[in-house]
PDB file of N, CA and C in Angstrom:
ATOM      1  N   UNK A   1      -7.916   0.407   0.987  1.00  0.00           N
ATOM      2  CA  UNK A   1      -6.924  -0.405   0.331  1.00  0.00           C
ATOM      3  C   UNK A   1      -5.892  -0.853   1.360  1.00  0.00           C
ATOM      4  N   UNK A   2      -5.391  -2.028   1.164  1.00  0.00           N
ATOM      5  CA  UNK A   2      -4.363  -2.585   2.031  1.00  0.00           C
ATOM      6  C   UNK A   2      -3.292  -3.228   1.157  1.00  0.00           C
ATOM      7  N   UNK A   3      -2.049  -3.005   1.517  1.00  0.00           N
ATOM      8  CA  UNK A   3      -0.963  -3.608   0.756  1.00  0.00           C
ATOM      9  C   UNK A   3      -0.579  -4.950   1.371  1.00  0.00           C
ATOM     10  N   UNK A   4       0.127  -5.744   0.605  1.00  0.00           N
ATOM     11  CA  UNK A   4       0.600  -7.036   1.095  1.00  0.00           C
ATOM     12  C   UNK A   4       1.511  -6.834   2.304  1.00  0.00           C
ATOM     13  N   UNK A   5       2.352  -5.821   2.251  1.00  0.00           N
ATOM     14  CA  UNK A   5       3.252  -5.542   3.377  1.00  0.00           C
ATOM     15  C   UNK A   5       2.465  -5.172   4.628  1.00  0.00           C
ATOM     16  N   UNK A   6       1.402  -4.377   4.476  1.00  0.00           N
ATOM     17  CA  UNK A   6       0.562  -4.025   5.625  1.00  0.00           C
ATOM     18  C   UNK A   6      -0.110  -5.270   6.194  1.00  0.00           C
ATOM     19  N   UNK A   7      -0.563  -6.152   5.319  1.00  0.00           N
ATOM     20  CA  UNK A   7      -1.215  -7.373   5.776  1.00  0.00           C
ATOM     21  C   UNK A   7      -0.245  -8.226   6.589  1.00  0.00           C
ATOM     22  N   UNK A   8       0.964  -8.406   6.088  1.00  0.00           N
ATOM     23  CA  UNK A   8       1.964  -9.191   6.816  1.00  0.00           C
ATOM     24  C   UNK A   8       2.295  -8.525   8.156  1.00  0.00           C
ATOM     25  N   UNK A   9       2.412  -7.192   8.151  1.00  0.00           N
ATOM     26  CA  UNK A   9       2.714  -6.464   9.387  1.00  0.00           C
ATOM     27  C   UNK A   9       1.567  -6.572  10.390  1.00  0.00           C
ATOM     28  N   UNK A  10       0.343  -6.471   9.900  1.00  0.00           N
ATOM     29  CA  UNK A  10      -0.823  -6.584  10.784  1.00  0.00           C
ATOM     30  C   UNK A  10      -0.862  -7.963  11.437  1.00  0.00           C
ATOM     31  N   UNK A  11      -0.591  -8.977  10.650  1.00  0.00           N
ATOM     32  CA  UNK A  11      -0.590 -10.340  11.179  1.00  0.00           C
ATOM     33  C   UNK A  11       0.517 -10.503  12.225  1.00  0.00           C
ATOM     34  N   UNK A  12       1.679  -9.895  11.952  1.00  0.00           N
ATOM     35  CA  UNK A  12       2.787  -9.954  12.908  1.00  0.00           C
ATOM     36  C   UNK A  12       2.435  -9.224  14.209  1.00  0.00           C
ATOM     37  N   UNK A  13       1.791  -8.060  14.106  1.00  0.00           N
ATOM     38  CA  UNK A  13       1.366  -7.330  15.303  1.00  0.00           C
ATOM     39  C   UNK A  13       0.420  -8.162  16.159  1.00  0.00           C
ATOM     40  N   UNK A  14      -0.438  -8.916  15.503  1.00  0.00           N
ATOM     41  CA  UNK A  14      -1.396  -9.755  16.224  1.00  0.00           C
ATOM     42  C   UNK A  14      -0.774 -11.052  16.727  1.00  0.00           C
ATOM     43  N   UNK A  15       0.380 -11.406  16.169  1.00  0.00           N
ATOM     44  CA  UNK A  15       1.039 -12.639  16.563  1.00  0.00           C
ATOM     45  C   UNK A  15       0.304 -13.885  16.101  1.00  0.00           C
ATOM     46  N   UNK A  16      -0.288 -13.804  14.901  1.00  0.00           N
ATOM     47  CA  UNK A  16      -1.035 -14.943  14.375  1.00  0.00           C
ATOM     48  C   UNK A  16      -0.431 -15.411  13.056  1.00  0.00           C
ATOM     49  N   UNK A  17      -0.679 -16.670  12.721  1.00  0.00           N
ATOM     50  CA  UNK A  17      -0.186 -17.194  11.460  1.00  0.00           C
ATOM     51  C   UNK A  17      -1.268 -17.087  10.383  1.00  0.00           C
ATOM     52  N   UNK A  18      -0.920 -17.476   9.169  1.00  0.00           N
ATOM     53  CA  UNK A  18      -1.865 -17.375   8.054  1.00  0.00           C
ATOM     54  C   UNK A  18      -3.105 -18.224   8.289  1.00  0.00           C
ATOM     55  N   UNK A  19      -2.936 -19.390   8.895  1.00  0.00           N
ATOM     56  CA  UNK A  19      -4.071 -20.274   9.163  1.00  0.00           C
ATOM     57  C   UNK A  19      -5.077 -19.597  10.099  1.00  0.00           C
ATOM     58  N   UNK A  20      -4.575 -18.947  11.151  1.00  0.00           N
ATOM     59  CA  UNK A  20      -5.468 -18.274  12.101  1.00  0.00           C
ATOM     60  C   UNK A  20      -6.173 -17.097  11.438  1.00  0.00           C
ATOM     61  N   UNK A  21      -5.462 -16.329  10.616  1.00  0.00           N
ATOM     62  CA  UNK A  21      -6.093 -15.217   9.903  1.00  0.00           C
ATOM     63  C   UNK A  21      -7.172 -15.737   8.965  1.00  0.00           C
ATOM     64  N   UNK A  22      -6.914 -16.862   8.313  1.00  0.00           N
ATOM     65  CA  UNK A  22      -7.919 -17.468   7.437  1.00  0.00           C
ATOM     66  C   UNK A  22      -9.165 -17.829   8.241  1.00  0.00           C
ATOM     67  N   UNK A  23      -8.970 -18.409   9.418  1.00  0.00           N
ATOM     68  CA  UNK A  23     -10.114 -18.755  10.272  1.00  0.00           C
ATOM     69  C   UNK A  23     -10.896 -17.513  10.692  1.00  0.00           C
ATOM     70  N   UNK A  24     -10.183 -16.480  11.115  1.00  0.00           N
ATOM     71  CA  UNK A  24     -10.832 -15.250  11.575  1.00  0.00           C
ATOM     72  C   UNK A  24     -11.613 -14.548  10.474  1.00  0.00           C
ATOM     73  N   UNK A  25     -11.104 -14.645   9.249  1.00  0.00           N
ATOM     74  CA  UNK A  25     -11.712 -13.921   8.134  1.00  0.00           C
ATOM     75  C   UNK A  25     -12.700 -14.760   7.318  1.00  0.00           C
ATOM     76  N   UNK A  26     -12.691 -16.064   7.528  1.00  0.00           N
ATOM     77  CA  UNK A  26     -13.558 -16.929   6.728  1.00  0.00           C
ATOM     78  C   UNK A  26     -13.028 -17.156   5.325  1.00  0.00           C
ATOM     79  N   UNK A  27     -11.737 -16.911   5.135  1.00  0.00           N
ATOM     80  CA  UNK A  27     -11.097 -17.123   3.838  1.00  0.00           C
ATOM     81  C   UNK A  27     -10.229 -18.376   3.913  1.00  0.00           C
ATOM     82  N   UNK A  28      -9.783 -18.859   2.780  1.00  0.00           N
ATOM     83  CA  UNK A  28      -8.915 -20.034   2.758  1.00  0.00           C
ATOM     84  C   UNK A  28      -7.456 -19.617   2.978  1.00  0.00           C
ATOM     85  N   UNK A  29      -6.656 -20.555   3.454  1.00  0.00           N
ATOM     86  CA  UNK A  29      -5.227 -20.287   3.623  1.00  0.00           C
ATOM     87  C   UNK A  29      -4.585 -19.913   2.287  1.00  0.00           C
ATOM     88  N   UNK A  30      -4.884 -20.634   1.172  1.00  0.00           N
ATOM     89  CA  UNK A  30      -4.295 -20.217  -0.104  1.00  0.00           C
ATOM     90  C   UNK A  30      -4.667 -18.779  -0.505  1.00  0.00           C
ATOM     91  N   UNK A  31      -5.865 -18.330  -0.150  1.00  0.00           N
ATOM     92  CA  UNK A  31      -6.263 -16.949  -0.455  1.00  0.00           C
ATOM     93  C   UNK A  31      -5.406 -15.971   0.333  1.00  0.00           C
ATOM     94  N   UNK A  32      -5.202 -16.242   1.617  1.00  0.00           N
ATOM     95  CA  UNK A  32      -4.342 -15.384   2.444  1.00  0.00           C
ATOM     96  C   UNK A  32      -2.922 -15.387   1.885  1.00  0.00           C
ATOM     97  N   UNK A  33      -2.427 -16.555   1.498  1.00  0.00           N
ATOM     98  CA  UNK A  33      -1.080 -16.657   0.932  1.00  0.00           C
ATOM     99  C   UNK A  33      -0.948 -15.832  -0.342  1.00  0.00           C
ATOM    100  N   UNK A  34      -1.958 -15.912  -1.221  1.00  0.00           N
ATOM    101  CA  UNK A  34      -1.922 -15.118  -2.458  1.00  0.00           C
ATOM    102  C   UNK A  34      -1.933 -13.629  -2.142  1.00  0.00           C
ATOM    103  N   UNK A  35      -2.760 -13.225  -1.187  1.00  0.00           N
ATOM    104  CA  UNK A  35      -2.836 -11.808  -0.824  1.00  0.00           C
ATOM    105  C   UNK A  35      -1.488 -11.317  -0.301  1.00  0.00           C
ATOM    106  N   UNK A  36      -0.845 -12.100   0.542  1.00  0.00           N
ATOM    107  CA  UNK A  36       0.426 -11.693   1.119  1.00  0.00           C
ATOM    108  C   UNK A  36       1.564 -11.712   0.103  1.00  0.00           C
ATOM    109  N   UNK A  37       1.413 -12.485  -0.951  1.00  0.00           N
ATOM    110  CA  UNK A  37       2.447 -12.573  -1.984  1.00  0.00           C
ATOM    111  C   UNK A  37       2.265 -11.517  -3.078  1.00  0.00           C
ATOM    112  N   UNK A  38       1.187 -10.744  -2.994  1.00  0.00           N
ATOM    113  CA  UNK A  38       0.904  -9.713  -3.996  1.00  0.00           C
ATOM    114  C   UNK A  38       1.981  -8.642  -3.997  1.00  0.00           C
ATOM    115  N   UNK A  39       2.082  -7.951  -5.113  1.00  0.00           N
ATOM    116  CA  UNK A  39       2.947  -6.780  -5.221  1.00  0.00           C
ATOM    117  C   UNK A  39       2.081  -5.552  -4.939  1.00  0.00           C
ATOM    118  N   UNK A  40       2.454  -4.779  -3.968  1.00  0.00           N
ATOM    119  CA  UNK A  40       1.716  -3.548  -3.679  1.00  0.00           C
ATOM    120  C   UNK A  40       0.341  -3.808  -3.090  1.00  0.00           C
ATOM    121  N   UNK A  41      -0.651  -3.069  -3.595  1.00  0.00           N
ATOM    122  CA  UNK A  41      -2.014  -3.146  -3.078  1.00  0.00           C
ATOM    123  C   UNK A  41      -2.615  -4.512  -3.408  1.00  0.00           C
ATOM    124  N   UNK A  42      -3.252  -5.112  -2.409  1.00  0.00           N
ATOM    125  CA  UNK A  42      -3.885  -6.415  -2.597  1.00  0.00           C
ATOM    126  C   UNK A  42      -5.091  -6.250  -3.507  1.00  0.00           C
ATOM    127  N   UNK A  43      -5.190  -7.139  -4.466  1.00  0.00           N
ATOM    128  CA  UNK A  43      -6.335  -7.153  -5.362  1.00  0.00           C
ATOM    129  C   UNK A  43      -7.103  -8.433  -5.101  1.00  0.00           C
ATOM    130  N   UNK A  44      -8.389  -8.356  -5.216  1.00  0.00           N
ATOM    131  CA  UNK A  44      -9.229  -9.519  -4.999  1.00  0.00           C
ATOM    132  C   UNK A  44     -10.678  -9.099  -5.101  1.00  0.00           C
ATOM    133  N   UNK A  45     -11.573 -10.061  -4.915  1.00  0.00           N
ATOM    134  CA  UNK A  45     -12.975  -9.676  -4.996  1.00  0.00           C
ATOM    135  C   UNK A  45     -13.356  -8.897  -3.735  1.00  0.00           C
ATOM    136  N   UNK A  46     -14.335  -8.063  -3.870  1.00  0.00           N
ATOM    137  CA  UNK A  46     -14.733  -7.150  -2.797  1.00  0.00           C
ATOM    138  C   UNK A  46     -15.121  -7.923  -1.539  1.00  0.00           C
ATOM    139  N   UNK A  47     -15.837  -9.017  -1.688  1.00  0.00           N
ATOM    140  CA  UNK A  47     -16.272  -9.803  -0.538  1.00  0.00           C
ATOM    141  C   UNK A  47     -15.069 -10.300   0.268  1.00  0.00           C
ATOM    142  N   UNK A  48     -14.061 -10.830  -0.403  1.00  0.00           N
ATOM    143  CA  UNK A  48     -12.869 -11.331   0.282  1.00  0.00           C
ATOM    144  C   UNK A  48     -12.123 -10.204   0.990  1.00  0.00           C
ATOM    145  N   UNK A  49     -11.981  -9.078   0.328  1.00  0.00           N
ATOM    146  CA  UNK A  49     -11.286  -7.941   0.935  1.00  0.00           C
ATOM    147  C   UNK A  49     -12.045  -7.413   2.149  1.00  0.00           C
ATOM    148  N   UNK A  50     -13.373  -7.377   2.054  1.00  0.00           N
ATOM    149  CA  UNK A  50     -14.184  -6.917   3.184  1.00  0.00           C
ATOM    150  C   UNK A  50     -14.058  -7.876   4.368  1.00  0.00           C
ATOM    151  N   UNK A  51     -14.039  -9.168   4.097  1.00  0.00           N
ATOM    152  CA  UNK A  51     -13.861 -10.160   5.165  1.00  0.00           C
ATOM    153  C   UNK A  51     -12.507  -9.982   5.836  1.00  0.00           C
ATOM    154  N   UNK A  52     -11.475  -9.774   5.031  1.00  0.00           N
ATOM    155  CA  UNK A  52     -10.126  -9.598   5.559  1.00  0.00           C
ATOM    156  C   UNK A  52     -10.040  -8.352   6.438  1.00  0.00           C
ATOM    157  N   UNK A  53     -10.483  -7.228   5.919  1.00  0.00           N
ATOM    158  CA  UNK A  53     -10.421  -5.969   6.662  1.00  0.00           C
ATOM    159  C   UNK A  53     -11.293  -6.053   7.915  1.00  0.00           C
ATOM    160  N   UNK A  54     -12.453  -6.684   7.818  1.00  0.00           N
ATOM    161  CA  UNK A  54     -13.328  -6.849   8.975  1.00  0.00           C
ATOM    162  C   UNK A  54     -12.681  -7.679  10.065  1.00  0.00           C
ATOM    163  N   UNK A  55     -12.005  -8.752   9.678  1.00  0.00           N
ATOM    164  CA  UNK A  55     -11.317  -9.608  10.652  1.00  0.00           C
ATOM    165  C   UNK A  55     -10.178  -8.852  11.334  1.00  0.00           C
ATOM    166  N   UNK A  56      -9.418  -8.083  10.560  1.00  0.00           N
ATOM    167  CA  UNK A  56      -8.333  -7.301  11.144  1.00  0.00           C
ATOM    168  C   UNK A  56      -8.881  -6.248  12.100  1.00  0.00           C
ATOM    169  N   UNK A  57      -9.955  -5.584  11.703  1.00  0.00           N
ATOM    170  CA  UNK A  57     -10.577  -4.573  12.550  1.00  0.00           C
ATOM    171  C   UNK A  57     -11.075  -5.196  13.856  1.00  0.00           C
ATOM    172  N   UNK A  58     -11.758  -6.331  13.764  1.00  0.00           N
ATOM    173  CA  UNK A  58     -12.274  -7.006  14.949  1.00  0.00           C
ATOM    174  C   UNK A  58     -11.150  -7.452  15.877  1.00  0.00           C
ATOM    175  N   UNK A  59      -9.983  -7.743  15.300  1.00  0.00           N
ATOM    176  CA  UNK A  59      -8.832  -8.173  16.097  1.00  0.00           C
ATOM    177  C   UNK A  59      -8.072  -6.990  16.692  1.00  0.00           C
ATOM    178  N   UNK A  60      -8.461  -5.771  16.310  1.00  0.00           N
ATOM    179  CA  UNK A  60      -7.852  -4.585  16.894  1.00  0.00           C
ATOM    180  C   UNK A  60      -6.847  -3.856  16.027  1.00  0.00           C
ATOM    181  N   UNK A  61      -6.864  -4.123  14.728  1.00  0.00           N
ATOM    182  CA  UNK A  61      -5.942  -3.455  13.811  1.00  0.00           C
ATOM    183  C   UNK A  61      -6.645  -2.287  13.134  1.00  0.00           C
ATOM    184  N   UNK A  62      -6.036  -1.107  13.189  1.00  0.00           N
ATOM    185  CA  UNK A  62      -6.539   0.067  12.482  1.00  0.00           C
ATOM    186  C   UNK A  62      -5.718   0.249  11.219  1.00  0.00           C
ATOM    187  N   UNK A  63      -6.360   0.207  10.076  1.00  0.00           N
ATOM    188  CA  UNK A  63      -5.689   0.471   8.805  1.00  0.00           C
ATOM    189  C   UNK A  63      -5.760   1.965   8.533  1.00  0.00           C
ATOM    190  N   UNK A  64      -4.620   2.548   8.237  1.00  0.00           N
ATOM    191  CA  UNK A  64      -4.536   3.990   8.024  1.00  0.00           C
ATOM    192  C   UNK A  64      -4.147   4.235   6.578  1.00  0.00           C
ATOM    193  N   UNK A  65      -4.942   5.010   5.828  1.00  0.00           N
ATOM    194  CA  UNK A  65      -4.613   5.273   4.421  1.00  0.00           C
ATOM    195  C   UNK A  65      -3.224   5.886   4.272  1.00  0.00           C
ATOM    196  N   UNK A  66      -2.586   5.599   3.145  1.00  0.00           N
ATOM    197  CA  UNK A  66      -1.258   6.132   2.874  1.00  0.00           C
ATOM    198  C   UNK A  66      -1.282   7.650   2.929  1.00  0.00           C
ATOM    199  N   UNK A  67      -0.316   8.208   3.623  1.00  0.00           N
ATOM    200  CA  UNK A  67      -0.199   9.650   3.738  1.00  0.00           C
ATOM    201  C   UNK A  67      -1.036  10.257   4.848  1.00  0.00           C
ATOM    202  N   UNK A  68      -1.897   9.450   5.476  1.00  0.00           N
ATOM    203  CA  UNK A  68      -2.742   9.954   6.557  1.00  0.00           C
ATOM    204  C   UNK A  68      -2.135   9.568   7.901  1.00  0.00           C
ATOM    205  N   UNK A  69      -2.524  10.284   8.931  1.00  0.00           N
ATOM    206  CA  UNK A  69      -2.106   9.972  10.285  1.00  0.00           C
ATOM    207  C   UNK A  69      -3.287   9.419  11.063  1.00  0.00           C
ATOM    208  N   UNK A  70      -3.016   8.480  11.951  1.00  0.00           N
ATOM    209  CA  UNK A  70      -4.084   7.984  12.819  1.00  0.00           C
ATOM    210  C   UNK A  70      -4.380   9.043  13.874  1.00  0.00           C
ATOM    211  N   UNK A  71      -5.413   8.821  14.631  1.00  0.00           N
ATOM    212  CA  UNK A  71      -5.745   9.742  15.709  1.00  0.00           C
ATOM    213  C   UNK A  71      -4.629   9.771  16.750  1.00  0.00           C
ATOM    214  N   UNK A  72      -3.780   8.741  16.768  1.00  0.00           N
ATOM    215  CA  UNK A  72      -2.661   8.652  17.692  1.00  0.00           C
ATOM    216  C   UNK A  72      -1.353   9.107  17.064  1.00  0.00           C
ATOM    217  N   UNK A  73      -1.376   9.514  15.792  1.00  0.00           N
ATOM    218  CA  UNK A  73      -0.186  10.014  15.134  1.00  0.00           C
ATOM    219  C   UNK A  73       0.623   8.971  14.386  1.00  0.00           C
ATOM    220  N   UNK A  74       0.168   7.731  14.338  1.00  0.00           N
ATOM    221  CA  UNK A  74       0.883   6.662  13.629  1.00  0.00           C
ATOM    222  C   UNK A  74       0.593   6.682  12.153  1.00  0.00           C
ATOM    223  N   UNK A  75       1.312   5.864  11.409  1.00  0.00           N
ATOM    224  CA  UNK A  75       1.110   5.750   9.973  1.00  0.00           C
ATOM    225  C   UNK A  75       0.979   4.284   9.606  1.00  0.00           C
ATOM    226  N   UNK A  76       0.237   3.988   8.559  1.00  0.00           N
ATOM    227  CA  UNK A  76       0.143   2.622   8.027  1.00  0.00           C
ATOM    228  C   UNK A  76      -0.852   1.760   8.747  1.00  0.00           C
ATOM    229  N   UNK A  77      -0.447   1.113   9.821  1.00  0.00           N
ATOM    230  CA  UNK A  77      -1.337   0.291  10.633  1.00  0.00           C
ATOM    231  C   UNK A  77      -0.966   0.462  12.076  1.00  0.00           C
ATOM    232  N   UNK A  78      -1.888   0.187  12.956  1.00  0.00           N
ATOM    233  CA  UNK A  78      -1.547   0.177  14.369  1.00  0.00           C
ATOM    234  C   UNK A  78      -2.504  -0.736  15.097  1.00  0.00           C
ATOM    235  N   UNK A  79      -2.075  -1.263  16.203  1.00  0.00           N
ATOM    236  CA  UNK A  79      -2.902  -2.082  17.067  1.00  0.00           C
ATOM    237  C   UNK A  79      -3.726  -1.134  17.911  1.00  0.00           C
ATOM    238  N   UNK A  80      -5.048  -1.280  17.859  1.00  0.00           N
ATOM    239  CA  UNK A  80      -5.926  -0.395  18.624  1.00  0.00           C
ATOM    240  C   UNK A  80      -5.746  -0.638  20.115  1.00  0.00           C
ATOM    241  N   UNK A  81      -5.838   0.408  20.881  1.00  0.00           N
ATOM    242  CA  UNK A  81      -5.775   0.274  22.342  1.00  0.00           C
ATOM    243  C   UNK A  81      -7.069  -0.324  22.852  1.00  0.00           C
ATOM    244  N   UNK A  82      -6.975  -1.096  23.897  1.00  0.00           N
ATOM    245  CA  UNK A  82      -8.182  -1.646  24.518  1.00  0.00           C
ATOM    246  C   UNK A  82      -8.446  -2.965  23.997  1.00  0.00           C
TER     247      UNK A  82
END
């Protein structure tokens, strides 16, 4: 699961705009806008969510479940090293 706030933060960490995230994920800009405007956890069809998470992962973003720590000790999201 990913929240709208995590999505906005991940995009900020990558230094990309909504249009670029849409290109990377194969989703439309309005879909990205709706996801970012959501309250709390993003809801959507599984295919769209998988595309989004896959694009973030490929760009170097690690999504960390709420309450869990990353292998580096961070929380929420982090930019992968390398």
